[in-house]
Amino acid sequence: MVNTMDTTMEYRGYTAVISYDTEEQLFVGRVAGIKDSLNFHGTSEEEVTEVFHQSIDNYLDLCEKFGKPDNLNNIDELIMDAIESEIDW
């Protein structure tokens, strides 16, 4: 994947990191700051924004349906995760 500089989007307290794959001509996104894996893609800015919003809405609906916490990490956890990933144990 060849991509241009990453950018971010926010929705309902969640942040997504968006990259553009120049080979596939596709925006590829992942939701940061959650323990679950939540990825999405779209062919335009409008589409990737819409799909990001739908992904978050669906994720929250499923969390509620199954009585699962939404796993939105607080900033302290994110900082510790980043530090730990840089340390070679």
N, C-alpha and C. Protein backbone atom coordinates (compact mmCIF):
# COMPACT_ATOMS: atom_id res chain seq x y z
N MET A 1 0.85 -1.17 0.00
CA MET A 1 0.00 0.00 0.00
C MET A 1 0.90 1.23 0.00
N VAL A 2 0.72 2.07 -0.95
CA VAL A 2 1.39 3.36 -0.99
C VAL A 2 0.38 4.38 -0.51
N ASN A 3 0.75 5.12 0.53
CA ASN A 3 -0.23 6.07 1.03
C ASN A 3 0.36 7.46 1.21
N THR A 4 -0.53 8.41 1.23
CA THR A 4 -0.13 9.77 1.51
C THR A 4 -0.22 9.96 3.02
N MET A 5 0.04 11.14 3.50
CA MET A 5 0.05 11.41 4.92
C MET A 5 -1.30 11.05 5.56
N ASP A 6 -1.21 10.45 6.74
CA ASP A 6 -2.42 10.10 7.49
C ASP A 6 -3.12 11.35 7.99
N THR A 7 -4.42 11.23 8.16
CA THR A 7 -5.22 12.29 8.76
C THR A 7 -6.17 11.63 9.75
N THR A 8 -6.86 12.41 10.55
CA THR A 8 -7.77 11.84 11.53
C THR A 8 -9.17 12.43 11.37
N MET A 9 -10.14 11.68 11.87
CA MET A 9 -11.54 12.11 11.94
C MET A 9 -12.04 11.76 13.34
N GLU A 10 -13.01 12.51 13.82
CA GLU A 10 -13.61 12.21 15.11
C GLU A 10 -15.12 12.12 14.97
N TYR A 11 -15.69 11.21 15.77
CA TYR A 11 -17.14 11.02 15.78
C TYR A 11 -17.52 10.35 17.09
N ARG A 12 -18.42 10.96 17.82
CA ARG A 12 -18.95 10.42 19.07
C ARG A 12 -17.86 10.03 20.06
N GLY A 13 -16.78 10.80 20.09
CA GLY A 13 -15.68 10.54 21.02
C GLY A 13 -14.64 9.57 20.51
N TYR A 14 -14.81 9.04 19.31
CA TYR A 14 -13.87 8.10 18.73
C TYR A 14 -13.05 8.79 17.65
N THR A 15 -11.80 8.39 17.53
CA THR A 15 -10.90 8.95 16.53
C THR A 15 -10.49 7.86 15.55
N ALA A 16 -10.56 8.20 14.27
CA ALA A 16 -10.11 7.28 13.23
C ALA A 16 -8.88 7.87 12.56
N VAL A 17 -7.95 7.01 12.23
CA VAL A 17 -6.77 7.39 11.45
C VAL A 17 -7.04 6.93 10.02
N ILE A 18 -6.98 7.88 9.09
CA ILE A 18 -7.31 7.61 7.69
C ILE A 18 -6.06 7.77 6.83
N SER A 19 -5.82 6.80 5.98
CA SER A 19 -4.73 6.85 4.99
C SER A 19 -5.35 6.73 3.61
N TYR A 20 -4.62 7.18 2.62
CA TYR A 20 -5.07 7.01 1.24
C TYR A 20 -4.12 6.08 0.53
N ASP A 21 -4.66 4.99 0.01
CA ASP A 21 -3.87 4.02 -0.74
C ASP A 21 -3.90 4.45 -2.21
N THR A 22 -2.75 4.95 -2.70
CA THR A 22 -2.71 5.46 -4.06
C THR A 22 -2.79 4.36 -5.11
N GLU A 23 -2.32 3.17 -4.76
CA GLU A 23 -2.40 2.05 -5.70
C GLU A 23 -3.84 1.59 -5.90
N GLU A 24 -4.57 1.48 -4.80
CA GLU A 24 -5.95 1.01 -4.84
C GLU A 24 -6.95 2.15 -5.03
N GLN A 25 -6.47 3.39 -4.90
CA GLN A 25 -7.31 4.58 -4.94
C GLN A 25 -8.47 4.45 -3.95
N LEU A 26 -8.07 4.22 -2.69
CA LEU A 26 -9.03 3.91 -1.65
C LEU A 26 -8.58 4.55 -0.34
N PHE A 27 -9.53 5.16 0.39
CA PHE A 27 -9.26 5.63 1.73
C PHE A 27 -9.43 4.45 2.68
N VAL A 28 -8.45 4.24 3.54
CA VAL A 28 -8.47 3.14 4.49
C VAL A 28 -8.39 3.73 5.89
N GLY A 29 -9.31 3.32 6.77
CA GLY A 29 -9.34 3.87 8.11
C GLY A 29 -9.36 2.80 9.18
N ARG A 30 -8.87 3.19 10.35
CA ARG A 30 -8.95 2.33 11.53
C ARG A 30 -9.28 3.22 12.71
N VAL A 31 -10.06 2.69 13.63
CA VAL A 31 -10.42 3.43 14.83
C VAL A 31 -9.31 3.23 15.86
N ALA A 32 -8.78 4.33 16.34
CA ALA A 32 -7.70 4.30 17.34
C ALA A 32 -8.30 4.40 18.73
N GLY A 33 -7.57 3.88 19.71
CA GLY A 33 -7.96 4.06 21.09
C GLY A 33 -8.98 3.08 21.62
N ILE A 34 -9.22 1.99 20.88
CA ILE A 34 -10.09 0.94 21.40
C ILE A 34 -9.33 -0.37 21.35
N LYS A 35 -9.72 -1.28 22.21
CA LYS A 35 -9.05 -2.57 22.27
C LYS A 35 -9.51 -3.51 21.16
N ASP A 36 -10.68 -3.23 20.60
CA ASP A 36 -11.19 -4.02 19.50
C ASP A 36 -10.60 -3.52 18.19
N SER A 37 -10.69 -4.34 17.15
CA SER A 37 -10.23 -3.94 15.82
C SER A 37 -11.43 -3.45 15.02
N LEU A 38 -11.37 -2.21 14.58
CA LEU A 38 -12.46 -1.63 13.81
C LEU A 38 -11.86 -0.88 12.63
N ASN A 39 -12.01 -1.45 11.44
CA ASN A 39 -11.43 -0.91 10.21
C ASN A 39 -12.53 -0.68 9.17
N PHE A 40 -12.27 0.22 8.25
CA PHE A 40 -13.26 0.55 7.22
C PHE A 40 -12.54 1.19 6.04
N HIS A 41 -13.26 1.34 4.94
CA HIS A 41 -12.67 1.98 3.77
C HIS A 41 -13.76 2.64 2.92
N GLY A 42 -13.32 3.51 2.02
CA GLY A 42 -14.24 4.18 1.11
C GLY A 42 -13.47 4.76 -0.07
N THR A 43 -14.19 5.06 -1.14
CA THR A 43 -13.54 5.56 -2.36
C THR A 43 -13.48 7.08 -2.43
N SER A 44 -14.16 7.75 -1.50
CA SER A 44 -14.13 9.22 -1.48
C SER A 44 -14.14 9.67 -0.02
N GLU A 45 -13.84 10.95 0.19
CA GLU A 45 -13.89 11.50 1.55
C GLU A 45 -15.29 11.36 2.14
N GLU A 46 -16.28 11.63 1.32
CA GLU A 46 -17.66 11.54 1.79
C GLU A 46 -18.00 10.10 2.19
N GLU A 47 -17.60 9.15 1.35
CA GLU A 47 -17.92 7.75 1.63
C GLU A 47 -17.19 7.26 2.86
N VAL A 48 -15.91 7.58 3.01
CA VAL A 48 -15.16 7.09 4.17
C VAL A 48 -15.69 7.72 5.45
N THR A 49 -16.15 8.96 5.39
CA THR A 49 -16.76 9.60 6.55
C THR A 49 -18.05 8.90 6.93
N GLU A 50 -18.89 8.63 5.94
CA GLU A 50 -20.16 7.95 6.19
C GLU A 50 -19.93 6.55 6.76
N VAL A 51 -18.98 5.81 6.19
CA VAL A 51 -18.71 4.46 6.64
C VAL A 51 -18.11 4.47 8.05
N PHE A 52 -17.27 5.45 8.36
CA PHE A 52 -16.73 5.60 9.72
C PHE A 52 -17.87 5.81 10.71
N HIS A 53 -18.78 6.72 10.40
CA HIS A 53 -19.91 6.99 11.29
C HIS A 53 -20.77 5.72 11.46
N GLN A 54 -21.03 5.02 10.38
CA GLN A 54 -21.82 3.78 10.45
C GLN A 54 -21.09 2.72 11.29
N SER A 55 -19.78 2.64 11.12
CA SER A 55 -18.99 1.66 11.88
C SER A 55 -19.09 1.93 13.38
N ILE A 56 -18.96 3.19 13.77
CA ILE A 56 -19.05 3.54 15.19
C ILE A 56 -20.46 3.26 15.71
N ASP A 57 -21.47 3.69 14.96
CA ASP A 57 -22.85 3.46 15.39
C ASP A 57 -23.13 1.96 15.55
N ASN A 58 -22.70 1.15 14.59
CA ASN A 58 -22.89 -0.30 14.66
C ASN A 58 -22.11 -0.91 15.83
N TYR A 59 -20.88 -0.44 16.03
CA TYR A 59 -20.05 -0.92 17.13
C TYR A 59 -20.73 -0.66 18.47
N LEU A 60 -21.22 0.56 18.65
CA LEU A 60 -21.89 0.90 19.91
C LEU A 60 -23.18 0.12 20.10
N ASP A 61 -23.93 -0.09 19.02
CA ASP A 61 -25.15 -0.91 19.09
C ASP A 61 -24.82 -2.34 19.53
N LEU A 62 -23.77 -2.91 18.95
CA LEU A 62 -23.38 -4.27 19.31
C LEU A 62 -22.89 -4.35 20.75
N CYS A 63 -22.12 -3.36 21.18
CA CYS A 63 -21.65 -3.34 22.57
C CYS A 63 -22.84 -3.32 23.52
N GLU A 64 -23.83 -2.49 23.20
CA GLU A 64 -25.02 -2.40 24.05
C GLU A 64 -25.81 -3.71 24.01
N LYS A 65 -25.98 -4.27 22.83
CA LYS A 65 -26.76 -5.50 22.67
C LYS A 65 -26.17 -6.65 23.48
N PHE A 66 -24.83 -6.75 23.49
CA PHE A 66 -24.18 -7.86 24.17
C PHE A 66 -23.68 -7.50 25.57
N GLY A 67 -24.01 -6.28 26.03
CA GLY A 67 -23.61 -5.87 27.37
C GLY A 67 -22.11 -5.75 27.53
N LYS A 68 -21.45 -5.39 26.46
CA LYS A 68 -19.99 -5.28 26.44
C LYS A 68 -19.59 -3.82 26.55
N PRO A 69 -18.57 -3.51 27.37
CA PRO A 69 -18.11 -2.11 27.40
C PRO A 69 -17.59 -1.70 26.03
N ASP A 70 -17.69 -0.42 25.72
CA ASP A 70 -17.28 0.04 24.39
C ASP A 70 -15.76 0.12 24.21
N ASN A 71 -14.99 -0.14 25.26
CA ASN A 71 -13.53 -0.20 25.18
C ASN A 71 -12.87 1.10 24.75
N LEU A 72 -13.52 2.21 24.93
CA LEU A 72 -12.88 3.48 24.62
C LEU A 72 -11.85 3.75 25.70
N ASN A 73 -10.58 3.69 25.32
CA ASN A 73 -9.50 3.89 26.28
C ASN A 73 -9.41 5.36 26.67
N ASN A 74 -8.97 5.59 27.89
CA ASN A 74 -8.70 6.98 28.25
C ASN A 74 -7.29 7.33 27.81
N ILE A 75 -6.96 8.60 27.85
CA ILE A 75 -5.68 9.08 27.32
C ILE A 75 -4.49 8.48 28.05
N ASP A 76 -4.61 8.23 29.36
CA ASP A 76 -3.51 7.63 30.11
C ASP A 76 -3.18 6.24 29.59
N GLU A 77 -4.22 5.45 29.30
CA GLU A 77 -3.99 4.11 28.75
C GLU A 77 -3.34 4.19 27.38
N LEU A 78 -3.76 5.14 26.55
CA LEU A 78 -3.17 5.29 25.23
C LEU A 78 -1.69 5.63 25.32
N ILE A 79 -1.35 6.53 26.23
CA ILE A 79 0.05 6.93 26.41
C ILE A 79 0.87 5.73 26.88
N MET A 80 0.36 4.99 27.85
CA MET A 80 1.09 3.82 28.35
C MET A 80 1.25 2.77 27.26
N ASP A 81 0.22 2.54 26.47
CA ASP A 81 0.33 1.58 25.36
C ASP A 81 1.39 2.01 24.38
N ALA A 82 1.45 3.30 24.07
CA ALA A 82 2.44 3.81 23.13
C ALA A 82 3.85 3.64 23.69
N ILE A 83 4.01 3.94 24.97
CA ILE A 83 5.33 3.80 25.60
C ILE A 83 5.74 2.34 25.61
N GLU A 84 4.85 1.46 26.02
CA GLU A 84 5.17 0.04 26.09
C GLU A 84 5.50 -0.54 24.72
N SER A 85 4.87 -0.05 23.67
CA SER A 85 5.16 -0.57 22.34
C SER A 85 6.52 -0.13 21.85
N GLU A 86 7.08 0.93 22.43
CA GLU A 86 8.40 1.42 22.05
C GLU A 86 9.52 0.73 22.84
N ILE A 87 9.17 0.08 23.95
CA ILE A 87 10.17 -0.58 24.79
C ILE A 87 10.40 -1.99 24.30
N ASP A 88 11.66 -2.34 24.09
CA ASP A 88 12.00 -3.69 23.64
C ASP A 88 12.20 -4.56 24.87
N TRP A 89 11.20 -5.37 25.19
CA TRP A 89 11.28 -6.23 26.38
C TRP A 89 12.14 -7.38 26.03
